[in-house]
N, C-alpha and C. Protein backbone atom coordinates (compact mmCIF):
# COMPACT_ATOMS: atom_id res chain seq x y z
N MET A 1 0.84 -1.18 0.00
CA MET A 1 0.00 0.00 0.00
C MET A 1 0.89 1.25 0.00
N ALA A 2 0.47 2.24 -0.75
CA ALA A 2 1.24 3.48 -0.89
C ALA A 2 1.15 4.32 0.37
N ASP A 3 2.19 5.10 0.61
CA ASP A 3 2.20 6.08 1.70
C ASP A 3 1.15 7.14 1.39
N LEU A 4 0.31 7.49 2.35
CA LEU A 4 -0.75 8.46 2.12
C LEU A 4 -0.23 9.83 1.70
N PHE A 5 1.01 10.16 2.05
CA PHE A 5 1.55 11.47 1.74
C PHE A 5 2.46 11.45 0.52
N ASP A 6 2.63 10.29 -0.09
CA ASP A 6 3.42 10.16 -1.30
C ASP A 6 2.58 10.66 -2.48
N ASN A 7 3.19 11.39 -3.40
CA ASN A 7 2.47 11.93 -4.55
C ASN A 7 3.32 11.77 -5.81
N PRO A 8 3.58 10.52 -6.21
CA PRO A 8 4.49 10.30 -7.34
C PRO A 8 3.96 10.81 -8.68
N MET A 9 2.66 10.99 -8.82
CA MET A 9 2.10 11.50 -10.07
C MET A 9 2.06 13.03 -10.09
N GLY A 10 2.34 13.66 -8.95
CA GLY A 10 2.30 15.12 -8.89
C GLY A 10 0.89 15.67 -8.99
N LEU A 11 -0.07 14.96 -8.43
CA LEU A 11 -1.47 15.40 -8.49
C LEU A 11 -1.68 16.73 -7.77
N ASP A 12 -2.53 17.57 -8.36
CA ASP A 12 -2.79 18.90 -7.80
C ASP A 12 -4.27 19.26 -7.89
N GLY A 13 -5.15 18.26 -7.90
CA GLY A 13 -6.59 18.52 -7.92
C GLY A 13 -7.24 18.10 -9.22
N PHE A 14 -8.48 18.54 -9.39
CA PHE A 14 -9.26 18.21 -10.59
C PHE A 14 -9.28 19.42 -11.52
N GLU A 15 -9.13 19.16 -12.80
CA GLU A 15 -9.25 20.23 -13.80
C GLU A 15 -10.66 20.30 -14.37
N PHE A 16 -11.21 19.16 -14.75
CA PHE A 16 -12.59 19.16 -15.24
C PHE A 16 -13.19 17.77 -15.13
N VAL A 17 -14.51 17.74 -15.21
CA VAL A 17 -15.25 16.50 -15.39
C VAL A 17 -15.84 16.58 -16.79
N GLU A 18 -15.65 15.53 -17.57
CA GLU A 18 -16.17 15.51 -18.94
C GLU A 18 -17.46 14.69 -18.98
N TYR A 19 -18.47 15.29 -19.57
CA TYR A 19 -19.75 14.63 -19.79
C TYR A 19 -19.93 14.43 -21.28
N ALA A 20 -20.69 13.41 -21.65
CA ALA A 20 -20.91 13.12 -23.06
C ALA A 20 -22.40 12.95 -23.32
N ALA A 21 -22.80 13.43 -24.47
CA ALA A 21 -24.16 13.24 -24.95
C ALA A 21 -24.11 13.23 -26.47
N THR A 22 -25.01 12.51 -27.09
CA THR A 22 -25.03 12.47 -28.55
C THR A 22 -25.84 13.62 -29.13
N GLU A 23 -26.58 14.31 -28.28
CA GLU A 23 -27.34 15.48 -28.75
C GLU A 23 -27.42 16.53 -27.65
N ARG A 24 -27.55 17.75 -28.07
CA ARG A 24 -27.65 18.87 -27.13
C ARG A 24 -29.04 18.89 -26.50
N GLY A 25 -29.12 19.52 -25.33
CA GLY A 25 -30.40 19.74 -24.69
C GLY A 25 -30.74 18.79 -23.57
N VAL A 26 -29.92 17.79 -23.35
CA VAL A 26 -30.20 16.80 -22.30
C VAL A 26 -29.50 17.17 -20.99
N LEU A 27 -28.22 17.48 -21.06
CA LEU A 27 -27.43 17.77 -19.86
C LEU A 27 -27.52 19.23 -19.41
N GLU A 28 -27.71 20.13 -20.36
CA GLU A 28 -27.69 21.56 -20.04
C GLU A 28 -28.70 21.97 -18.97
N PRO A 29 -29.96 21.51 -19.02
CA PRO A 29 -30.91 21.91 -17.98
C PRO A 29 -30.48 21.46 -16.57
N VAL A 30 -29.84 20.31 -16.49
CA VAL A 30 -29.35 19.82 -15.20
C VAL A 30 -28.25 20.74 -14.68
N PHE A 31 -27.32 21.10 -15.55
CA PHE A 31 -26.22 21.99 -15.14
C PHE A 31 -26.76 23.35 -14.72
N GLU A 32 -27.75 23.87 -15.45
CA GLU A 32 -28.33 25.17 -15.10
C GLU A 32 -28.97 25.14 -13.72
N VAL A 33 -29.72 24.08 -13.42
CA VAL A 33 -30.36 23.95 -12.11
C VAL A 33 -29.32 23.89 -11.00
N LEU A 34 -28.15 23.30 -11.29
CA LEU A 34 -27.07 23.21 -10.31
C LEU A 34 -26.27 24.50 -10.20
N GLY A 35 -26.59 25.51 -11.02
CA GLY A 35 -25.92 26.80 -10.93
C GLY A 35 -24.74 27.00 -11.86
N PHE A 36 -24.56 26.11 -12.83
CA PHE A 36 -23.46 26.24 -13.79
C PHE A 36 -23.88 27.13 -14.95
N THR A 37 -22.90 27.78 -15.56
CA THR A 37 -23.12 28.66 -16.70
C THR A 37 -22.25 28.22 -17.87
N HIS A 38 -22.84 28.22 -19.05
CA HIS A 38 -22.08 27.95 -20.28
C HIS A 38 -21.21 29.18 -20.54
N VAL A 39 -19.89 29.02 -20.45
CA VAL A 39 -18.98 30.17 -20.56
C VAL A 39 -18.13 30.16 -21.83
N ALA A 40 -17.96 29.00 -22.48
CA ALA A 40 -17.09 28.94 -23.66
C ALA A 40 -17.46 27.72 -24.51
N SER A 41 -17.05 27.80 -25.77
CA SER A 41 -17.21 26.68 -26.69
C SER A 41 -15.87 26.39 -27.36
N HIS A 42 -15.63 25.14 -27.65
CA HIS A 42 -14.38 24.73 -28.30
C HIS A 42 -14.27 25.40 -29.67
N ARG A 43 -13.06 25.72 -30.05
CA ARG A 43 -12.83 26.42 -31.32
C ARG A 43 -13.20 25.59 -32.55
N SER A 44 -13.04 24.26 -32.47
CA SER A 44 -13.26 23.45 -33.67
C SER A 44 -14.10 22.20 -33.44
N LYS A 45 -14.53 21.95 -32.22
CA LYS A 45 -15.29 20.73 -31.93
C LYS A 45 -16.60 21.08 -31.23
N ALA A 46 -17.51 20.14 -31.24
CA ALA A 46 -18.79 20.30 -30.55
C ALA A 46 -18.60 19.98 -29.07
N VAL A 47 -17.94 20.90 -28.38
CA VAL A 47 -17.61 20.75 -26.96
C VAL A 47 -17.85 22.09 -26.27
N ASP A 48 -18.57 22.07 -25.15
CA ASP A 48 -18.87 23.29 -24.40
C ASP A 48 -18.29 23.23 -23.00
N LEU A 49 -17.88 24.40 -22.51
CA LEU A 49 -17.35 24.54 -21.15
C LEU A 49 -18.39 25.22 -20.28
N TRP A 50 -18.71 24.59 -19.17
CA TRP A 50 -19.64 25.13 -18.17
C TRP A 50 -18.86 25.32 -16.88
N ARG A 51 -19.14 26.41 -16.16
CA ARG A 51 -18.38 26.70 -14.94
C ARG A 51 -19.26 27.19 -13.81
N GLN A 52 -18.70 26.98 -12.62
CA GLN A 52 -19.22 27.56 -11.38
C GLN A 52 -18.04 27.56 -10.42
N GLY A 53 -17.68 28.76 -9.92
CA GLY A 53 -16.50 28.85 -9.06
C GLY A 53 -15.29 28.33 -9.81
N ASP A 54 -14.54 27.43 -9.19
CA ASP A 54 -13.37 26.82 -9.84
C ASP A 54 -13.67 25.43 -10.40
N ILE A 55 -14.94 25.14 -10.61
CA ILE A 55 -15.36 23.84 -11.15
C ILE A 55 -15.60 23.98 -12.65
N ASN A 56 -14.98 23.09 -13.41
CA ASN A 56 -15.15 23.06 -14.86
C ASN A 56 -15.85 21.77 -15.26
N PHE A 57 -16.97 21.91 -15.95
CA PHE A 57 -17.66 20.78 -16.56
C PHE A 57 -17.57 20.98 -18.07
N VAL A 58 -17.18 19.93 -18.77
CA VAL A 58 -17.09 19.96 -20.22
C VAL A 58 -18.14 19.00 -20.76
N ILE A 59 -18.97 19.48 -21.69
CA ILE A 59 -19.91 18.58 -22.36
C ILE A 59 -19.39 18.34 -23.77
N ASN A 60 -19.19 17.07 -24.10
CA ASN A 60 -18.63 16.69 -25.39
C ASN A 60 -19.72 16.04 -26.24
N TYR A 61 -20.04 16.67 -27.37
CA TYR A 61 -21.03 16.14 -28.32
C TYR A 61 -20.36 15.74 -29.63
N GLU A 62 -19.04 15.78 -29.68
CA GLU A 62 -18.30 15.62 -30.94
C GLU A 62 -18.51 14.22 -31.53
N PRO A 63 -19.18 14.13 -32.69
CA PRO A 63 -19.40 12.82 -33.32
C PRO A 63 -18.07 12.11 -33.61
N GLY A 64 -18.04 10.83 -33.32
CA GLY A 64 -16.85 10.03 -33.59
C GLY A 64 -15.76 10.12 -32.55
N SER A 65 -15.94 10.94 -31.54
CA SER A 65 -14.93 11.06 -30.47
C SER A 65 -15.12 9.92 -29.47
N PRO A 66 -14.08 9.62 -28.67
CA PRO A 66 -14.26 8.60 -27.62
C PRO A 66 -15.43 8.93 -26.69
N ALA A 67 -15.62 10.21 -26.38
CA ALA A 67 -16.74 10.62 -25.52
C ALA A 67 -18.08 10.31 -26.18
N TRP A 68 -18.18 10.58 -27.46
CA TRP A 68 -19.43 10.34 -28.18
C TRP A 68 -19.77 8.84 -28.16
N TYR A 69 -18.76 7.99 -28.40
CA TYR A 69 -19.00 6.55 -28.36
C TYR A 69 -19.39 6.10 -26.95
N TYR A 70 -18.82 6.73 -25.95
CA TYR A 70 -19.19 6.44 -24.56
C TYR A 70 -20.68 6.74 -24.36
N ALA A 71 -21.12 7.90 -24.86
CA ALA A 71 -22.53 8.28 -24.73
C ALA A 71 -23.43 7.34 -25.52
N GLU A 72 -22.97 6.88 -26.67
CA GLU A 72 -23.74 5.91 -27.45
C GLU A 72 -23.99 4.65 -26.63
N GLU A 73 -22.98 4.22 -25.89
CA GLU A 73 -23.08 2.98 -25.11
C GLU A 73 -23.82 3.18 -23.78
N HIS A 74 -23.56 4.30 -23.10
CA HIS A 74 -24.07 4.49 -21.74
C HIS A 74 -25.18 5.53 -21.62
N GLY A 75 -25.46 6.26 -22.68
CA GLY A 75 -26.40 7.37 -22.60
C GLY A 75 -25.68 8.61 -22.09
N PRO A 76 -26.40 9.72 -21.95
CA PRO A 76 -25.78 10.95 -21.44
C PRO A 76 -25.21 10.69 -20.05
N SER A 77 -23.92 10.96 -19.88
CA SER A 77 -23.27 10.60 -18.61
C SER A 77 -21.90 11.23 -18.49
N ALA A 78 -21.32 11.09 -17.30
CA ALA A 78 -19.92 11.48 -17.09
C ALA A 78 -19.06 10.42 -17.75
N CYS A 79 -18.17 10.85 -18.64
CA CYS A 79 -17.36 9.88 -19.38
C CYS A 79 -15.88 10.01 -19.06
N GLY A 80 -15.50 11.02 -18.29
CA GLY A 80 -14.09 11.19 -17.99
C GLY A 80 -13.85 12.30 -16.99
N MET A 81 -12.60 12.41 -16.61
CA MET A 81 -12.19 13.48 -15.70
C MET A 81 -10.74 13.82 -15.96
N ALA A 82 -10.39 15.03 -15.60
CA ALA A 82 -9.02 15.49 -15.80
C ALA A 82 -8.40 15.81 -14.46
N PHE A 83 -7.21 15.26 -14.26
CA PHE A 83 -6.44 15.54 -13.05
C PHE A 83 -5.41 16.61 -13.36
N ARG A 84 -5.29 17.58 -12.48
CA ARG A 84 -4.19 18.53 -12.57
C ARG A 84 -2.94 17.84 -12.04
N VAL A 85 -1.85 17.96 -12.79
CA VAL A 85 -0.58 17.37 -12.39
C VAL A 85 0.54 18.39 -12.62
N ARG A 86 1.62 18.24 -11.88
CA ARG A 86 2.76 19.17 -12.04
C ARG A 86 3.40 19.05 -13.42
N ASN A 87 3.53 17.82 -13.93
CA ASN A 87 4.15 17.60 -15.23
C ASN A 87 3.38 16.49 -15.94
N ALA A 88 2.60 16.86 -16.95
CA ALA A 88 1.72 15.90 -17.62
C ALA A 88 2.51 14.80 -18.33
N ALA A 89 3.61 15.13 -18.98
CA ALA A 89 4.40 14.12 -19.70
C ALA A 89 4.96 13.09 -18.74
N GLU A 90 5.49 13.54 -17.60
CA GLU A 90 6.04 12.60 -16.61
C GLU A 90 4.94 11.74 -15.98
N ALA A 91 3.81 12.35 -15.64
CA ALA A 91 2.71 11.59 -15.04
C ALA A 91 2.17 10.56 -16.03
N TYR A 92 2.04 10.95 -17.28
CA TYR A 92 1.56 10.05 -18.33
C TYR A 92 2.51 8.86 -18.48
N GLN A 93 3.80 9.13 -18.56
CA GLN A 93 4.77 8.05 -18.72
C GLN A 93 4.76 7.13 -17.51
N ARG A 94 4.65 7.69 -16.32
CA ARG A 94 4.58 6.87 -15.11
C ARG A 94 3.35 5.96 -15.15
N ALA A 95 2.22 6.51 -15.57
CA ALA A 95 1.00 5.71 -15.66
C ALA A 95 1.18 4.57 -16.66
N LEU A 96 1.76 4.88 -17.82
CA LEU A 96 1.98 3.83 -18.83
C LEU A 96 2.94 2.77 -18.31
N ASP A 97 4.00 3.20 -17.61
CA ASP A 97 4.97 2.26 -17.05
C ASP A 97 4.32 1.32 -16.05
N ARG A 98 3.25 1.77 -15.41
CA ARG A 98 2.57 0.97 -14.40
C ARG A 98 1.38 0.20 -14.98
N GLY A 99 1.25 0.21 -16.31
CA GLY A 99 0.24 -0.61 -16.96
C GLY A 99 -0.99 0.10 -17.47
N ALA A 100 -1.03 1.41 -17.41
CA ALA A 100 -2.19 2.14 -17.92
C ALA A 100 -2.29 1.98 -19.43
N GLN A 101 -3.52 2.01 -19.92
CA GLN A 101 -3.75 1.94 -21.36
C GLN A 101 -3.91 3.35 -21.91
N PRO A 102 -3.11 3.72 -22.90
CA PRO A 102 -3.25 5.06 -23.48
C PRO A 102 -4.53 5.18 -24.30
N ILE A 103 -5.08 6.37 -24.35
CA ILE A 103 -6.21 6.67 -25.22
C ILE A 103 -5.77 7.79 -26.14
N ASP A 104 -5.95 7.58 -27.43
CA ASP A 104 -5.59 8.61 -28.39
C ASP A 104 -6.82 9.48 -28.67
N ILE A 105 -6.75 10.73 -28.29
CA ILE A 105 -7.83 11.67 -28.53
C ILE A 105 -7.46 12.46 -29.79
N PRO A 106 -8.23 12.33 -30.87
CA PRO A 106 -7.89 13.06 -32.09
C PRO A 106 -7.88 14.57 -31.85
N VAL A 107 -6.89 15.24 -32.42
CA VAL A 107 -6.79 16.70 -32.27
C VAL A 107 -6.84 17.35 -33.65
N GLY A 108 -7.34 18.57 -33.65
CA GLY A 108 -7.40 19.35 -34.88
C GLY A 108 -6.23 20.30 -34.96
N PRO A 109 -6.18 21.11 -36.01
CA PRO A 109 -5.10 22.09 -36.16
C PRO A 109 -5.08 23.09 -35.00
N MET A 110 -3.91 23.42 -34.53
CA MET A 110 -3.72 24.43 -33.48
C MET A 110 -4.39 24.03 -32.16
N GLU A 111 -4.53 22.73 -31.90
CA GLU A 111 -5.18 22.22 -30.70
C GLU A 111 -4.16 21.53 -29.81
N LEU A 112 -4.37 21.61 -28.52
CA LEU A 112 -3.49 20.92 -27.58
C LEU A 112 -3.73 19.41 -27.61
N LYS A 113 -2.66 18.66 -27.51
CA LYS A 113 -2.74 17.20 -27.39
C LYS A 113 -2.72 16.89 -25.90
N LEU A 114 -3.84 16.45 -25.36
CA LEU A 114 -3.95 16.17 -23.93
C LEU A 114 -3.68 14.69 -23.69
N PRO A 115 -2.67 14.37 -22.87
CA PRO A 115 -2.40 12.97 -22.57
C PRO A 115 -3.58 12.36 -21.81
N ALA A 116 -3.97 11.14 -22.21
CA ALA A 116 -5.13 10.51 -21.60
C ALA A 116 -4.91 9.00 -21.50
N ILE A 117 -5.47 8.43 -20.44
CA ILE A 117 -5.42 6.99 -20.21
C ILE A 117 -6.82 6.48 -19.92
N ARG A 118 -6.99 5.18 -20.05
CA ARG A 118 -8.29 4.56 -19.79
C ARG A 118 -8.44 4.29 -18.30
N GLY A 119 -9.60 4.67 -17.77
CA GLY A 119 -9.92 4.43 -16.37
C GLY A 119 -11.01 3.38 -16.23
N ILE A 120 -11.61 3.33 -15.08
CA ILE A 120 -12.66 2.37 -14.77
C ILE A 120 -13.82 2.52 -15.74
N GLY A 121 -14.29 1.39 -16.26
CA GLY A 121 -15.44 1.40 -17.16
C GLY A 121 -15.20 2.07 -18.49
N GLY A 122 -13.93 2.27 -18.84
CA GLY A 122 -13.61 2.93 -20.10
C GLY A 122 -13.59 4.44 -20.00
N ALA A 123 -13.76 4.98 -18.79
CA ALA A 123 -13.71 6.43 -18.61
C ALA A 123 -12.34 6.95 -19.04
N ILE A 124 -12.33 8.17 -19.54
CA ILE A 124 -11.09 8.80 -19.98
C ILE A 124 -10.51 9.61 -18.83
N LEU A 125 -9.25 9.38 -18.52
CA LEU A 125 -8.55 10.14 -17.48
C LEU A 125 -7.48 11.00 -18.15
N TYR A 126 -7.69 12.31 -18.12
CA TYR A 126 -6.75 13.25 -18.72
C TYR A 126 -5.75 13.71 -17.66
N LEU A 127 -4.56 14.06 -18.10
CA LEU A 127 -3.51 14.59 -17.22
C LEU A 127 -3.15 15.98 -17.73
N ILE A 128 -3.43 17.00 -16.92
CA ILE A 128 -3.34 18.39 -17.36
C ILE A 128 -2.34 19.16 -16.51
N ASP A 129 -1.38 19.80 -17.17
CA ASP A 129 -0.44 20.65 -16.42
C ASP A 129 -0.53 22.12 -16.83
N ARG A 130 -1.53 22.46 -17.62
CA ARG A 130 -1.75 23.85 -18.03
C ARG A 130 -3.05 24.32 -17.40
N TYR A 131 -2.98 24.85 -16.18
CA TYR A 131 -4.20 25.30 -15.53
C TYR A 131 -4.06 26.68 -14.91
N GLU A 132 -3.01 27.38 -15.25
CA GLU A 132 -2.85 28.76 -14.78
C GLU A 132 -3.71 29.68 -15.64
N GLU A 133 -4.37 30.63 -15.00
CA GLU A 133 -5.19 31.61 -15.72
C GLU A 133 -4.36 32.30 -16.79
N GLY A 134 -4.88 32.37 -18.00
CA GLY A 134 -4.19 33.02 -19.10
C GLY A 134 -3.43 32.07 -20.00
N SER A 135 -3.07 30.89 -19.50
CA SER A 135 -2.37 29.90 -20.34
C SER A 135 -2.95 28.50 -20.15
N SER A 136 -4.21 28.45 -19.75
CA SER A 136 -4.86 27.16 -19.50
C SER A 136 -5.28 26.52 -20.82
N ILE A 137 -5.73 25.29 -20.73
CA ILE A 137 -6.23 24.60 -21.92
C ILE A 137 -7.42 25.34 -22.52
N TYR A 138 -8.20 26.01 -21.69
CA TYR A 138 -9.38 26.73 -22.17
C TYR A 138 -8.97 27.99 -22.94
N ASP A 139 -7.91 28.65 -22.48
CA ASP A 139 -7.43 29.86 -23.16
C ASP A 139 -6.95 29.53 -24.57
N ILE A 140 -6.52 28.30 -24.80
CA ILE A 140 -5.98 27.90 -26.10
C ILE A 140 -7.05 27.25 -26.98
N ASP A 141 -7.81 26.32 -26.43
CA ASP A 141 -8.73 25.52 -27.24
C ASP A 141 -10.18 26.01 -27.27
N PHE A 142 -10.52 26.99 -26.45
CA PHE A 142 -11.90 27.45 -26.37
C PHE A 142 -12.02 28.94 -26.68
N GLU A 143 -13.22 29.34 -27.09
CA GLU A 143 -13.55 30.75 -27.26
C GLU A 143 -14.59 31.09 -26.21
N PHE A 144 -14.25 32.05 -25.36
CA PHE A 144 -15.18 32.45 -24.31
C PHE A 144 -16.32 33.26 -24.90
N LEU A 145 -17.51 33.07 -24.37
CA LEU A 145 -18.70 33.75 -24.86
C LEU A 145 -18.68 35.21 -24.41
N GLU A 146 -19.00 36.10 -25.33
CA GLU A 146 -19.03 37.53 -24.99
C GLU A 146 -20.15 37.82 -24.01
N GLY A 147 -19.84 38.68 -23.04
CA GLY A 147 -20.83 39.10 -22.07
C GLY A 147 -21.12 38.10 -20.97
N VAL A 148 -20.37 37.00 -20.95
CA VAL A 148 -20.57 35.97 -19.93
C VAL A 148 -19.35 35.95 -19.02
N GLU A 149 -19.59 36.04 -17.71
CA GLU A 149 -18.50 36.01 -16.74
C GLU A 149 -17.73 34.69 -16.87
N ARG A 150 -16.41 34.76 -16.84
CA ARG A 150 -15.58 33.55 -17.02
C ARG A 150 -15.63 32.61 -15.82
N LYS A 151 -15.82 33.15 -14.63
CA LYS A 151 -15.90 32.31 -13.42
C LYS A 151 -17.13 32.71 -12.61
N PRO A 152 -18.31 32.34 -13.09
CA PRO A 152 -19.53 32.72 -12.38
C PRO A 152 -19.64 32.04 -11.01
N ALA A 153 -20.23 32.76 -10.07
CA ALA A 153 -20.39 32.22 -8.71
C ALA A 153 -21.47 31.15 -8.65
N GLY A 154 -22.46 31.24 -9.52
CA GLY A 154 -23.53 30.24 -9.53
C GLY A 154 -24.23 30.15 -8.19
N LEU A 155 -24.39 28.95 -7.68
CA LEU A 155 -25.05 28.72 -6.39
C LEU A 155 -24.05 28.61 -5.25
N GLY A 156 -22.78 28.90 -5.53
CA GLY A 156 -21.78 28.92 -4.47
C GLY A 156 -20.88 27.71 -4.39
N PHE A 157 -21.03 26.76 -5.31
CA PHE A 157 -20.08 25.64 -5.32
C PHE A 157 -18.73 26.17 -5.78
N GLU A 158 -17.67 25.82 -5.08
CA GLU A 158 -16.35 26.38 -5.37
C GLU A 158 -15.40 25.41 -6.06
N LEU A 159 -15.35 24.17 -5.60
CA LEU A 159 -14.40 23.22 -6.17
C LEU A 159 -14.88 21.80 -5.95
N ILE A 160 -14.26 20.89 -6.69
CA ILE A 160 -14.51 19.46 -6.50
C ILE A 160 -13.38 18.93 -5.63
N ASP A 161 -13.72 18.38 -4.48
CA ASP A 161 -12.67 17.86 -3.60
C ASP A 161 -12.47 16.35 -3.75
N HIS A 162 -13.46 15.65 -4.28
CA HIS A 162 -13.27 14.22 -4.56
C HIS A 162 -14.36 13.73 -5.50
N LEU A 163 -14.05 12.66 -6.17
CA LEU A 163 -15.00 11.95 -7.03
C LEU A 163 -14.88 10.48 -6.70
N THR A 164 -15.87 9.71 -7.10
CA THR A 164 -15.82 8.28 -6.83
C THR A 164 -16.16 7.50 -8.10
N HIS A 165 -15.69 6.29 -8.17
CA HIS A 165 -16.01 5.37 -9.27
C HIS A 165 -16.84 4.24 -8.69
N ASN A 166 -17.74 3.73 -9.48
CA ASN A 166 -18.42 2.49 -9.14
C ASN A 166 -17.66 1.36 -9.82
N VAL A 167 -17.37 0.31 -9.08
CA VAL A 167 -16.65 -0.83 -9.64
C VAL A 167 -17.48 -2.10 -9.48
N TYR A 168 -17.26 -3.02 -10.40
CA TYR A 168 -17.96 -4.29 -10.32
C TYR A 168 -17.47 -5.08 -9.11
N ARG A 169 -18.38 -5.86 -8.54
CA ARG A 169 -18.06 -6.71 -7.40
C ARG A 169 -16.82 -7.55 -7.71
N GLY A 170 -15.90 -7.58 -6.76
CA GLY A 170 -14.69 -8.37 -6.92
C GLY A 170 -13.55 -7.65 -7.64
N ARG A 171 -13.75 -6.41 -8.07
CA ARG A 171 -12.72 -5.67 -8.82
C ARG A 171 -12.08 -4.55 -8.00
N MET A 172 -12.47 -4.37 -6.75
CA MET A 172 -11.96 -3.27 -5.94
C MET A 172 -10.45 -3.34 -5.76
N ASP A 173 -9.92 -4.51 -5.42
CA ASP A 173 -8.47 -4.63 -5.22
C ASP A 173 -7.70 -4.30 -6.50
N TYR A 174 -8.21 -4.77 -7.63
CA TYR A 174 -7.54 -4.49 -8.91
C TYR A 174 -7.43 -2.98 -9.13
N TRP A 175 -8.55 -2.25 -8.97
CA TRP A 175 -8.54 -0.81 -9.24
C TRP A 175 -7.81 -0.04 -8.15
N ALA A 176 -7.86 -0.49 -6.92
CA ALA A 176 -7.09 0.17 -5.86
C ALA A 176 -5.60 0.08 -6.17
N ASN A 177 -5.15 -1.09 -6.59
CA ASN A 177 -3.74 -1.26 -6.97
C ASN A 177 -3.38 -0.41 -8.19
N TYR A 178 -4.29 -0.31 -9.12
CA TYR A 178 -4.07 0.49 -10.33
C TYR A 178 -3.80 1.95 -9.95
N TYR A 179 -4.61 2.48 -9.05
CA TYR A 179 -4.47 3.90 -8.68
C TYR A 179 -3.33 4.15 -7.71
N GLU A 180 -2.83 3.11 -7.05
CA GLU A 180 -1.68 3.31 -6.17
C GLU A 180 -0.43 3.47 -6.99
């Protein structure tokens, strides 16, 4: 078992939760009721950024993307999450060295290549080291909507402090070892 204070991946919190749907209009009303605001859209893909405080939710509708196929199989749902890390390349290589499966996310021109691995149930786990205001992944890959506050207060939710996965019976030890 790993030391509770050891941080070999350089984790620094959550960057975003990715949701997937094959059509618009299903997830947005839920996000609005929770106090989230649509603040930006991807420059070249059918992907929207919703925010409240320091929480980023991304809805991916891009046909043919891993997220879209996830939604085809599971319906509208959370399909991935992004971890903030000190060094994405090092964290990615460490994950691969420990048996993680890489996921290739197609990128368009002038788009960031985000390292990603497969998580529980096929969820996509991104490793992000660009999260400083002004040089974040959103500043590069998204266009912020005019007249919309970039970090709306919403209902007062500030950050995500933890998330959980559901695992099939008998698979807990496997996934616990994977994440250690």
